[in-house]
Amino acid sequence: MPGELMDAGSQMLVHLPNSRAMELESDVIGLELMARAGYDPRHASSIWRKMQQIKGGQQGATFLSTHPAGDQRIAELDAYVPKVWPLYQAALASKGRKALAR
């Protein structure tokens, strides 16, 4: 029984927060790849907005989840757009196109 409690405690205090951080990191890496491929990074967070609409805004218990909350993902993606914007512009320039104004 004490071993089970320790396992559950370590899962909640160590593993779940780390997996949420890894999920956010993968979102940012995906955003960078998207920009490098010439896809407008400003639209990356729209998938999470659509998913929230489908779920009706319900998020569930984030502290027990292996994934970050949709609001957190949206904020993180939107915050990184200015950092990957030059990559997007370079991708478009290499194709002879220009980015629309931000």
C-alpha atoms as a PDB file:
ATOM      1  CA  MET A   1       0.000   0.000   0.000  1.00  0.00           C
ATOM      2  CA  PRO A   2       2.690   2.625   0.845  1.00  0.00           C
ATOM      3  CA  GLY A   3       4.498   1.743  -2.384  1.00  0.00           C
ATOM      4  CA  GLU A   4       1.323   2.370  -4.364  1.00  0.00           C
ATOM      5  CA  LEU A   5       0.884   5.769  -2.709  1.00  0.00           C
ATOM      6  CA  MET A   6       4.481   6.676  -3.515  1.00  0.00           C
ATOM      7  CA  ASP A   7       3.980   5.607  -7.127  1.00  0.00           C
ATOM      8  CA  ALA A   8       0.805   7.670  -7.396  1.00  0.00           C
ATOM      9  CA  GLY A   9       2.504  10.637  -5.731  1.00  0.00           C
ATOM     10  CA  SER A  10       5.500  10.533  -8.028  1.00  0.00           C
ATOM     11  CA  GLN A  11       3.189  10.197 -11.022  1.00  0.00           C
ATOM     12  CA  MET A  12       1.264  13.348 -10.036  1.00  0.00           C
ATOM     13  CA  LEU A  13       4.226  15.413  -8.843  1.00  0.00           C
ATOM     14  CA  VAL A  14       6.968  14.424 -11.289  1.00  0.00           C
ATOM     15  CA  HIS A  15       5.804  12.580 -14.370  1.00  0.00           C
ATOM     16  CA  LEU A  16       2.586  14.397 -15.318  1.00  0.00           C
ATOM     17  CA  PRO A  17       4.033  17.928 -15.131  1.00  0.00           C
ATOM     18  CA  ASN A  18       7.020  16.764 -17.191  1.00  0.00           C
ATOM     19  CA  SER A  19       4.798  15.213 -19.844  1.00  0.00           C
ATOM     20  CA  ARG A  20       2.778  18.434 -20.069  1.00  0.00           C
ATOM     21  CA  ALA A  21       6.032  20.373 -20.512  1.00  0.00           C
ATOM     22  CA  MET A  22       7.113  17.949 -23.229  1.00  0.00           C
ATOM     23  CA  GLU A  23       3.771  18.379 -24.993  1.00  0.00           C
ATOM     24  CA  LEU A  24       4.199  22.160 -24.977  1.00  0.00           C
ATOM     25  CA  GLU A  25       7.752  21.756 -26.258  1.00  0.00           C
ATOM     26  CA  SER A  26       6.521  19.574 -29.107  1.00  0.00           C
ATOM     27  CA  ASP A  27       3.874  22.188 -29.955  1.00  0.00           C
ATOM     28  CA  VAL A  28       6.603  24.824 -30.241  1.00  0.00           C
ATOM     29  CA  ILE A  29       8.790  22.542 -32.369  1.00  0.00           C
ATOM     30  CA  GLY A  30       5.788  21.889 -34.609  1.00  0.00           C
ATOM     31  CA  LEU A  31       5.205  25.632 -34.895  1.00  0.00           C
ATOM     32  CA  GLU A  32       8.807  26.145 -35.976  1.00  0.00           C
ATOM     33  CA  LEU A  33       8.572  23.358 -38.565  1.00  0.00           C
ATOM     34  CA  MET A  34       5.297  24.817 -39.811  1.00  0.00           C
ATOM     35  CA  ALA A  35       6.900  28.240 -40.279  1.00  0.00           C
ATOM     36  CA  ARG A  36       9.971  26.778 -42.006  1.00  0.00           C
ATOM     37  CA  ALA A  37       7.669  24.931 -44.416  1.00  0.00           C
ATOM     38  CA  GLY A  38       5.923  28.180 -45.359  1.00  0.00           C
ATOM     39  CA  TYR A  39       2.692  27.735 -43.402  1.00  0.00           C
ATOM     40  CA  ASP A  40       1.474  30.835 -41.583  1.00  0.00           C
ATOM     41  CA  PRO A  41       2.263  30.233 -37.880  1.00  0.00           C
ATOM     42  CA  ARG A  42      -0.499  32.619 -36.791  1.00  0.00           C
ATOM     43  CA  HIS A  43      -3.011  29.882 -37.572  1.00  0.00           C
ATOM     44  CA  ALA A  44      -1.422  27.174 -35.421  1.00  0.00           C
ATOM     45  CA  SER A  45      -3.530  27.849 -32.333  1.00  0.00           C
ATOM     46  CA  SER A  46      -6.781  27.703 -34.292  1.00  0.00           C
ATOM     47  CA  ILE A  47      -6.873  23.890 -34.015  1.00  0.00           C
ATOM     48  CA  TRP A  48      -6.995  24.155 -30.234  1.00  0.00           C
ATOM     49  CA  ARG A  49      -9.729  26.801 -30.389  1.00  0.00           C
ATOM     50  CA  LYS A  50     -11.768  24.483 -32.605  1.00  0.00           C
ATOM     51  CA  MET A  51     -11.204  21.573 -30.228  1.00  0.00           C
ATOM     52  CA  GLN A  52     -12.389  23.709 -27.314  1.00  0.00           C
ATOM     53  CA  GLN A  53     -15.546  24.576 -29.245  1.00  0.00           C
ATOM     54  CA  ILE A  54     -16.212  20.903 -29.899  1.00  0.00           C
ATOM     55  CA  LYS A  55     -15.701  20.074 -26.214  1.00  0.00           C
ATOM     56  CA  GLY A  56     -17.896  22.998 -25.195  1.00  0.00           C
ATOM     57  CA  GLY A  57     -15.064  24.612 -23.253  1.00  0.00           C
ATOM     58  CA  GLN A  58     -14.746  21.693 -20.802  1.00  0.00           C
ATOM     59  CA  GLN A  59     -11.164  20.959 -19.844  1.00  0.00           C
ATOM     60  CA  GLY A  60     -11.247  18.427 -17.054  1.00  0.00           C
ATOM     61  CA  ALA A  61      -8.713  18.084 -14.255  1.00  0.00           C
ATOM     62  CA  THR A  62      -5.475  19.463 -15.695  1.00  0.00           C
ATOM     63  CA  PHE A  63      -3.341  18.323 -12.752  1.00  0.00           C
ATOM     64  CA  LEU A  64      -4.183  14.696 -13.606  1.00  0.00           C
ATOM     65  CA  SER A  65      -3.673  15.114 -17.332  1.00  0.00           C
ATOM     66  CA  THR A  66      -0.649  14.210 -19.421  1.00  0.00           C
ATOM     67  CA  HIS A  67      -1.512  17.071 -21.778  1.00  0.00           C
ATOM     68  CA  PRO A  68      -1.640  20.820 -21.123  1.00  0.00           C
ATOM     69  CA  ALA A  69      -4.986  22.598 -21.085  1.00  0.00           C
ATOM     70  CA  GLY A  70      -6.176  24.008 -24.398  1.00  0.00           C
ATOM     71  CA  ASP A  71      -5.973  27.588 -23.109  1.00  0.00           C
ATOM     72  CA  GLN A  72      -2.361  27.034 -22.115  1.00  0.00           C
ATOM     73  CA  ARG A  73      -1.507  25.577 -25.527  1.00  0.00           C
ATOM     74  CA  ILE A  74      -3.183  28.471 -27.325  1.00  0.00           C
ATOM     75  CA  ALA A  75      -1.314  31.038 -25.238  1.00  0.00           C
ATOM     76  CA  GLU A  76       2.002  29.235 -25.723  1.00  0.00           C
ATOM     77  CA  LEU A  77       1.598  28.948 -29.492  1.00  0.00           C
ATOM     78  CA  ASP A  78       0.485  32.560 -29.874  1.00  0.00           C
ATOM     79  CA  ALA A  79       3.427  33.735 -27.745  1.00  0.00           C
ATOM     80  CA  TYR A  80       5.904  31.946 -30.017  1.00  0.00           C
ATOM     81  CA  VAL A  81       4.553  33.296 -33.315  1.00  0.00           C
ATOM     82  CA  PRO A  82       6.824  36.400 -33.245  1.00  0.00           C
ATOM     83  CA  LYS A  83       9.845  34.164 -32.651  1.00  0.00           C
ATOM     84  CA  VAL A  84       9.153  31.969 -35.692  1.00  0.00           C
ATOM     85  CA  TRP A  85       7.845  34.768 -37.921  1.00  0.00           C
ATOM     86  CA  PRO A  86      11.283  35.372 -39.507  1.00  0.00           C
ATOM     87  CA  LEU A  87      11.455  31.667 -40.402  1.00  0.00           C
ATOM     88  CA  TYR A  88       8.080  31.939 -42.123  1.00  0.00           C
ATOM     89  CA  GLN A  89       9.169  35.044 -44.029  1.00  0.00           C
ATOM     90  CA  ALA A  90      12.388  33.320 -45.125  1.00  0.00           C
ATOM     91  CA  ALA A  91      10.435  30.284 -46.325  1.00  0.00           C
ATOM     92  CA  LEU A  92       8.133  32.479 -48.380  1.00  0.00           C
ATOM     93  CA  ALA A  93      11.043  34.502 -49.759  1.00  0.00           C
ATOM     94  CA  SER A  94      12.735  31.327 -50.906  1.00  0.00           C
ATOM     95  CA  LYS A  95       9.560  30.579 -52.882  1.00  0.00           C
ATOM     96  CA  GLY A  96       9.382  34.121 -54.269  1.00  0.00           C
ATOM     97  CA  ARG A  97       6.362  35.081 -52.133  1.00  0.00           C
ATOM     98  CA  LYS A  98       5.779  37.660 -49.412  1.00  0.00           C
ATOM     99  CA  ALA A  99       3.987  37.272 -46.085  1.00  0.00           C
ATOM    100  CA  LEU A 100       0.802  39.196 -45.541  1.00  0.00           C
ATOM    101  CA  ALA A 101       1.063  41.935 -42.928  1.00  0.00           C
ATOM    102  CA  ARG A 102       0.853  40.795 -39.337  1.00  0.00           C
END
